[in-house]
C-alpha atoms as a PDB file:
ATOM      1  CA  MET A   1       0.042   0.388  -0.276  1.00  0.00           C
ATOM      2  CA  TYR A   2       1.570   3.189  -0.993  1.00  0.00           C
ATOM      3  CA  VAL A   3       0.484   6.208   1.350  1.00  0.00           C
ATOM      4  CA  PRO A   4       0.997  10.162   0.627  1.00  0.00           C
ATOM      5  CA  ASP A   5       2.718  11.433   3.774  1.00  0.00           C
ATOM      6  CA  VAL A   6       0.176  14.047   4.412  1.00  0.00           C
ATOM      7  CA  CYS A   7      -2.210  11.372   4.222  1.00  0.00           C
ATOM      8  CA  ILE A   8      -0.913   9.898   7.614  1.00  0.00           C
ATOM      9  CA  ALA A   9      -0.285  13.230   9.128  1.00  0.00           C
ATOM     10  CA  GLU A  10      -4.288  13.412   8.466  1.00  0.00           C
ATOM     11  CA  ALA A  11      -5.233   9.985   9.730  1.00  0.00           C
ATOM     12  CA  PHE A  12      -3.612  11.661  13.397  1.00  0.00           C
ATOM     13  CA  LYS A  13      -5.636  14.452  12.735  1.00  0.00           C
ATOM     14  CA  VAL A  14      -9.204  12.802  12.036  1.00  0.00           C
ATOM     15  CA  LEU A  15      -8.004  10.796  14.969  1.00  0.00           C
ATOM     16  CA  ALA A  16      -7.727  13.856  16.927  1.00  0.00           C
ATOM     17  CA  LYS A  17     -10.606  15.396  15.828  1.00  0.00           C
ATOM     18  CA  TRP A  18     -12.597  12.345  17.129  1.00  0.00           C
ATOM     19  CA  TYR A  19     -11.673  12.356  19.954  1.00  0.00           C
ATOM     20  CA  TYR A  20     -11.175  16.143  20.942  1.00  0.00           C
ATOM     21  CA  ARG A  21     -14.884  17.977  19.097  1.00  0.00           C
ATOM     22  CA  LYS A  22     -16.728  14.618  18.602  1.00  0.00           C
ATOM     23  CA  LYS A  23     -15.870  12.585  21.768  1.00  0.00           C
ATOM     24  CA  TYR A  24     -15.362   9.185  19.567  1.00  0.00           C
ATOM     25  CA  PHE A  25     -13.590   8.261  22.728  1.00  0.00           C
ATOM     26  CA  GLN A  26     -14.535   7.634  25.702  1.00  0.00           C
ATOM     27  CA  THR A  27     -11.281   8.049  27.285  1.00  0.00           C
ATOM     28  CA  SER A  28      -8.045   9.580  26.380  1.00  0.00           C
ATOM     29  CA  ILE A  29      -6.679   5.832  26.755  1.00  0.00           C
ATOM     30  CA  SER A  30      -8.631   4.742  24.321  1.00  0.00           C
ATOM     31  CA  TYR A  31      -7.872   7.087  22.221  1.00  0.00           C
ATOM     32  CA  ASN A  32      -3.824   6.714  22.300  1.00  0.00           C
ATOM     33  CA  GLN A  33      -4.505   2.834  21.893  1.00  0.00           C
ATOM     34  CA  ALA A  34      -5.918   4.524  18.314  1.00  0.00           C
ATOM     35  CA  LYS A  35      -2.808   6.566  17.255  1.00  0.00           C
ATOM     36  CA  LYS A  36      -0.275   3.866  18.383  1.00  0.00           C
ATOM     37  CA  ARG A  37      -1.916   1.335  16.159  1.00  0.00           C
ATOM     38  CA  LEU A  38      -2.182   3.532  13.743  1.00  0.00           C
ATOM     39  CA  ARG A  39       1.552   4.621  13.658  1.00  0.00           C
ATOM     40  CA  ASN A  40       2.053   0.844  14.252  1.00  0.00           C
ATOM     41  CA  PHE A  41       0.379   0.238  10.799  1.00  0.00           C
ATOM     42  CA  VAL A  42       2.045   2.858   8.676  1.00  0.00           C
ATOM     43  CA  SER A  43       5.739   2.017  10.774  1.00  0.00           C
ATOM     44  CA  THR A  44       8.786  -0.723   9.956  1.00  0.00           C
ATOM     45  CA  SER A  45      10.710  -1.007  12.651  1.00  0.00           C
ATOM     46  CA  HIS A  46      14.495  -1.186  11.184  1.00  0.00           C
ATOM     47  CA  THR A  47      14.964  -4.742  12.852  1.00  0.00           C
ATOM     48  CA  LYS A  48      11.994  -5.843  10.275  1.00  0.00           C
ATOM     49  CA  MET A  49      13.340  -3.651   7.215  1.00  0.00           C
ATOM     50  CA  ALA A  50      16.881  -5.889   7.831  1.00  0.00           C
ATOM     51  CA  GLN A  51      14.665  -8.786   7.322  1.00  0.00           C
ATOM     52  CA  ALA A  52      15.562 -10.415   4.079  1.00  0.00           C
ATOM     53  CA  GLY A  53      11.792 -11.783   3.584  1.00  0.00           C
ATOM     54  CA  ARG A  54      10.347  -8.553   4.809  1.00  0.00           C
ATOM     55  CA  LYS A  55       6.680  -7.819   4.164  1.00  0.00           C
ATOM     56  CA  VAL A  56       5.798  -3.914   4.628  1.00  0.00           C
ATOM     57  CA  ALA A  57       2.303  -2.783   5.327  1.00  0.00           C
ATOM     58  CA  VAL A  58       2.821   0.732   4.136  1.00  0.00           C
ATOM     59  CA  HIS A  59       4.981   2.540   2.106  1.00  0.00           C
ATOM     60  CA  ASP A  60       4.813   6.329   2.392  1.00  0.00           C
ATOM     61  CA  ILE A  61       5.020   8.582  -0.494  1.00  0.00           C
ATOM     62  CA  ALA A  62       6.904  12.112   0.623  1.00  0.00           C
ATOM     63  CA  THR A  63       5.083  14.836  -1.153  1.00  0.00           C
ATOM     64  CA  ASN A  64       8.031  15.954  -3.262  1.00  0.00           C
ATOM     65  CA  ARG A  65       8.073  18.958  -5.600  1.00  0.00           C
ATOM     66  CA  ASP A  66       6.950  16.403  -8.799  1.00  0.00           C
ATOM     67  CA  ILE A  67       4.436  15.495  -7.180  1.00  0.00           C
ATOM     68  CA  VAL A  68       3.080  19.034  -6.104  1.00  0.00           C
ATOM     69  CA  ILE A  69       3.508  20.484  -9.281  1.00  0.00           C
ATOM     70  CA  ALA A  70       1.556  17.669 -10.457  1.00  0.00           C
ATOM     71  CA  VAL A  71      -1.427  18.578  -8.921  1.00  0.00           C
ATOM     72  CA  ASP A  72      -1.856  21.501 -10.822  1.00  0.00           C
ATOM     73  CA  ARG A  73      -3.249  18.736 -13.974  1.00  0.00           C
ATOM     74  CA  PHE A  74      -6.766  18.413 -11.752  1.00  0.00           C
ATOM     75  CA  PHE A  75      -7.406  21.979 -11.690  1.00  0.00           C
ATOM     76  CA  GLU A  76      -9.482  21.869 -15.157  1.00  0.00           C
ATOM     77  CA  PRO A  77     -11.269  18.520 -14.061  1.00  0.00           C
ATOM     78  CA  LEU A  78     -11.917  20.002 -10.430  1.00  0.00           C
ATOM     79  CA  TYR A  79     -13.402  23.730 -10.732  1.00  0.00           C
ATOM     80  CA  LYS A  80     -15.007  23.271 -14.233  1.00  0.00           C
ATOM     81  CA  GLY A  81     -17.348  20.657 -12.106  1.00  0.00           C
ATOM     82  CA  LYS A  82     -19.567  20.709  -9.405  1.00  0.00           C
ATOM     83  CA  ASP A  83     -16.538  18.674  -7.575  1.00  0.00           C
ATOM     84  CA  ASP A  84     -15.340  20.520  -4.137  1.00  0.00           C
ATOM     85  CA  VAL A  85     -11.463  18.116  -3.206  1.00  0.00           C
ATOM     86  CA  SER A  86      -9.397  19.550  -0.415  1.00  0.00           C
ATOM     87  CA  VAL A  87      -5.427  19.799  -1.911  1.00  0.00           C
ATOM     88  CA  PRO A  88      -4.411  16.558  -0.081  1.00  0.00           C
ATOM     89  CA  ASP A  89      -6.685  15.109  -1.729  1.00  0.00           C
ATOM     90  CA  LEU A  90      -5.625  16.334  -4.872  1.00  0.00           C
ATOM     91  CA  ILE A  91      -1.780  14.884  -3.735  1.00  0.00           C
ATOM     92  CA  VAL A  92      -3.825  11.542  -3.389  1.00  0.00           C
ATOM     93  CA  LEU A  93      -4.524  11.684  -7.237  1.00  0.00           C
ATOM     94  CA  ALA A  94      -0.854  13.315  -8.259  1.00  0.00           C
ATOM     95  CA  VAL A  95       0.940  10.584  -6.422  1.00  0.00           C
ATOM     96  CA  VAL A  96      -0.669   7.933  -8.335  1.00  0.00           C
ATOM     97  CA  LYS A  97      -0.060   9.416 -11.722  1.00  0.00           C
ATOM     98  CA  TYR A  98       3.666   9.983  -9.985  1.00  0.00           C
ATOM     99  CA  LEU A  99       3.599   6.364  -9.286  1.00  0.00           C
ATOM    100  CA  ILE A 100       2.171   5.696 -13.374  1.00  0.00           C
ATOM    101  CA  ASP A 101       4.660   7.749 -14.586  1.00  0.00           C
ATOM    102  CA  PHE A 102       7.883   7.763 -12.937  1.00  0.00           C
ATOM    103  CA  TYR A 103       7.865   3.594 -11.790  1.00  0.00           C
ATOM    104  CA  ASP A 104       5.966   2.693 -14.782  1.00  0.00           C
ATOM    105  CA  MET A 105       3.221   1.234 -12.442  1.00  0.00           C
ATOM    106  CA  PRO A 106      -0.298  -0.621 -14.618  1.00  0.00           C
ATOM    107  CA  ARG A 107      -2.731   1.769 -13.735  1.00  0.00           C
ATOM    108  CA  GLU A 108      -4.482  -1.651 -13.989  1.00  0.00           C
ATOM    109  CA  TYR A 109      -2.808  -3.078 -10.561  1.00  0.00           C
ATOM    110  CA  LEU A 110      -2.947   0.307  -8.595  1.00  0.00           C
ATOM    111  CA  TYR A 111      -6.885   1.326  -6.593  1.00  0.00           C
ATOM    112  CA  ILE A 112      -7.605   4.632  -4.754  1.00  0.00           C
ATOM    113  CA  LEU A 113      -8.779   3.780  -1.756  1.00  0.00           C
ATOM    114  CA  THR A 114     -10.681   6.899   0.045  1.00  0.00           C
ATOM    115  CA  CYS A 115     -13.713   6.870   1.789  1.00  0.00           C
ATOM    116  CA  ASP A 116     -14.478  11.047  -0.192  1.00  0.00           C
ATOM    117  CA  ARG A 117     -17.387  10.149  -2.236  1.00  0.00           C
ATOM    118  CA  LYS A 118     -16.528  13.444  -3.952  1.00  0.00           C
ATOM    119  CA  LEU A 119     -13.269  12.346  -4.666  1.00  0.00           C
ATOM    120  CA  VAL A 120     -14.423   9.658  -5.884  1.00  0.00           C
ATOM    121  CA  ALA A 121     -16.421  11.315  -8.553  1.00  0.00           C
ATOM    122  CA  LEU A 122     -13.652  13.301  -9.515  1.00  0.00           C
ATOM    123  CA  VAL A 123     -11.903  10.253 -10.185  1.00  0.00           C
ATOM    124  CA  ARG A 124     -14.519   9.211 -12.957  1.00  0.00           C
ATOM    125  CA  LYS A 125     -14.169  11.997 -15.122  1.00  0.00           C
ATOM    126  CA  ILE A 126     -10.287  12.305 -15.491  1.00  0.00           C
ATOM    127  CA  SER A 127      -8.774   9.317 -17.948  1.00  0.00           C
ATOM    128  CA  GLY A 128      -6.122   7.721 -17.122  1.00  0.00           C
ATOM    129  CA  LEU A 129      -6.323   7.444 -13.204  1.00  0.00           C
ATOM    130  CA  PRO A 130      -7.172   3.902 -11.805  1.00  0.00           C
ATOM    131  CA  LYS A 131     -10.069   3.074 -10.384  1.00  0.00           C
ATOM    132  CA  ALA A 132     -11.309   5.294  -7.281  1.00  0.00           C
ATOM    133  CA  ILE A 133     -12.783   2.938  -4.309  1.00  0.00           C
ATOM    134  CA  ASN A 134     -14.998   3.564  -1.442  1.00  0.00           C
ATOM    135  CA  PRO A 135     -13.929   0.584   1.353  1.00  0.00           C
ATOM    136  CA  SER A 136     -17.302   1.434   3.013  1.00  0.00           C
ATOM    137  CA  GLU A 137     -20.020   0.912   0.065  1.00  0.00           C
ATOM    138  CA  LYS A 138     -21.672  -2.158   0.433  1.00  0.00           C
ATOM    139  CA  ARG A 139     -20.424  -3.315  -2.425  1.00  0.00           C
ATOM    140  CA  TYR A 140     -16.959  -3.674  -1.127  1.00  0.00           C
ATOM    141  CA  ASP A 141     -17.717  -5.323   1.584  1.00  0.00           C
ATOM    142  CA  PRO A 142     -14.548  -7.698   2.258  1.00  0.00           C
ATOM    143  CA  GLU A 143     -16.439 -10.891   2.764  1.00  0.00           C
ATOM    144  CA  SER A 144     -18.103 -10.264   0.074  1.00  0.00           C
ATOM    145  CA  THR A 145     -14.650  -8.735  -2.652  1.00  0.00           C
ATOM    146  CA  PHE A 146     -12.670 -11.457  -0.803  1.00  0.00           C
ATOM    147  CA  ILE A 147     -13.456 -14.803  -1.635  1.00  0.00           C
END
């Protein structure tokens, strides 16, 4: 799984929002456990990285100049339509194009996972991007998707 570094920061921000504003977490202990689980999910220890047969769950993609500049290519379809997505959402799209263009990853092997319906709608309007999937939709339920 490839994740832009800004999205990892956004995930921690969401946890904080759900703790401080929405009061989703009952205690600070449960909030800290959620942060620890997210940190463990996105991190790989040095010991594990040194192993020969290692499996890395999350590859973070640093937001470099090529990615930031590539955000520009999505402004036209964004502003000509009624879509309204954030810059971090556009960075996700730019990272996908970066993986396709610079690493020759086949578009058919990539998927954009997002719970943002507006981003899914925007992706459908842009040719050259892989399919966007909202994993919270019933049709993508793991029990029916992965048999």
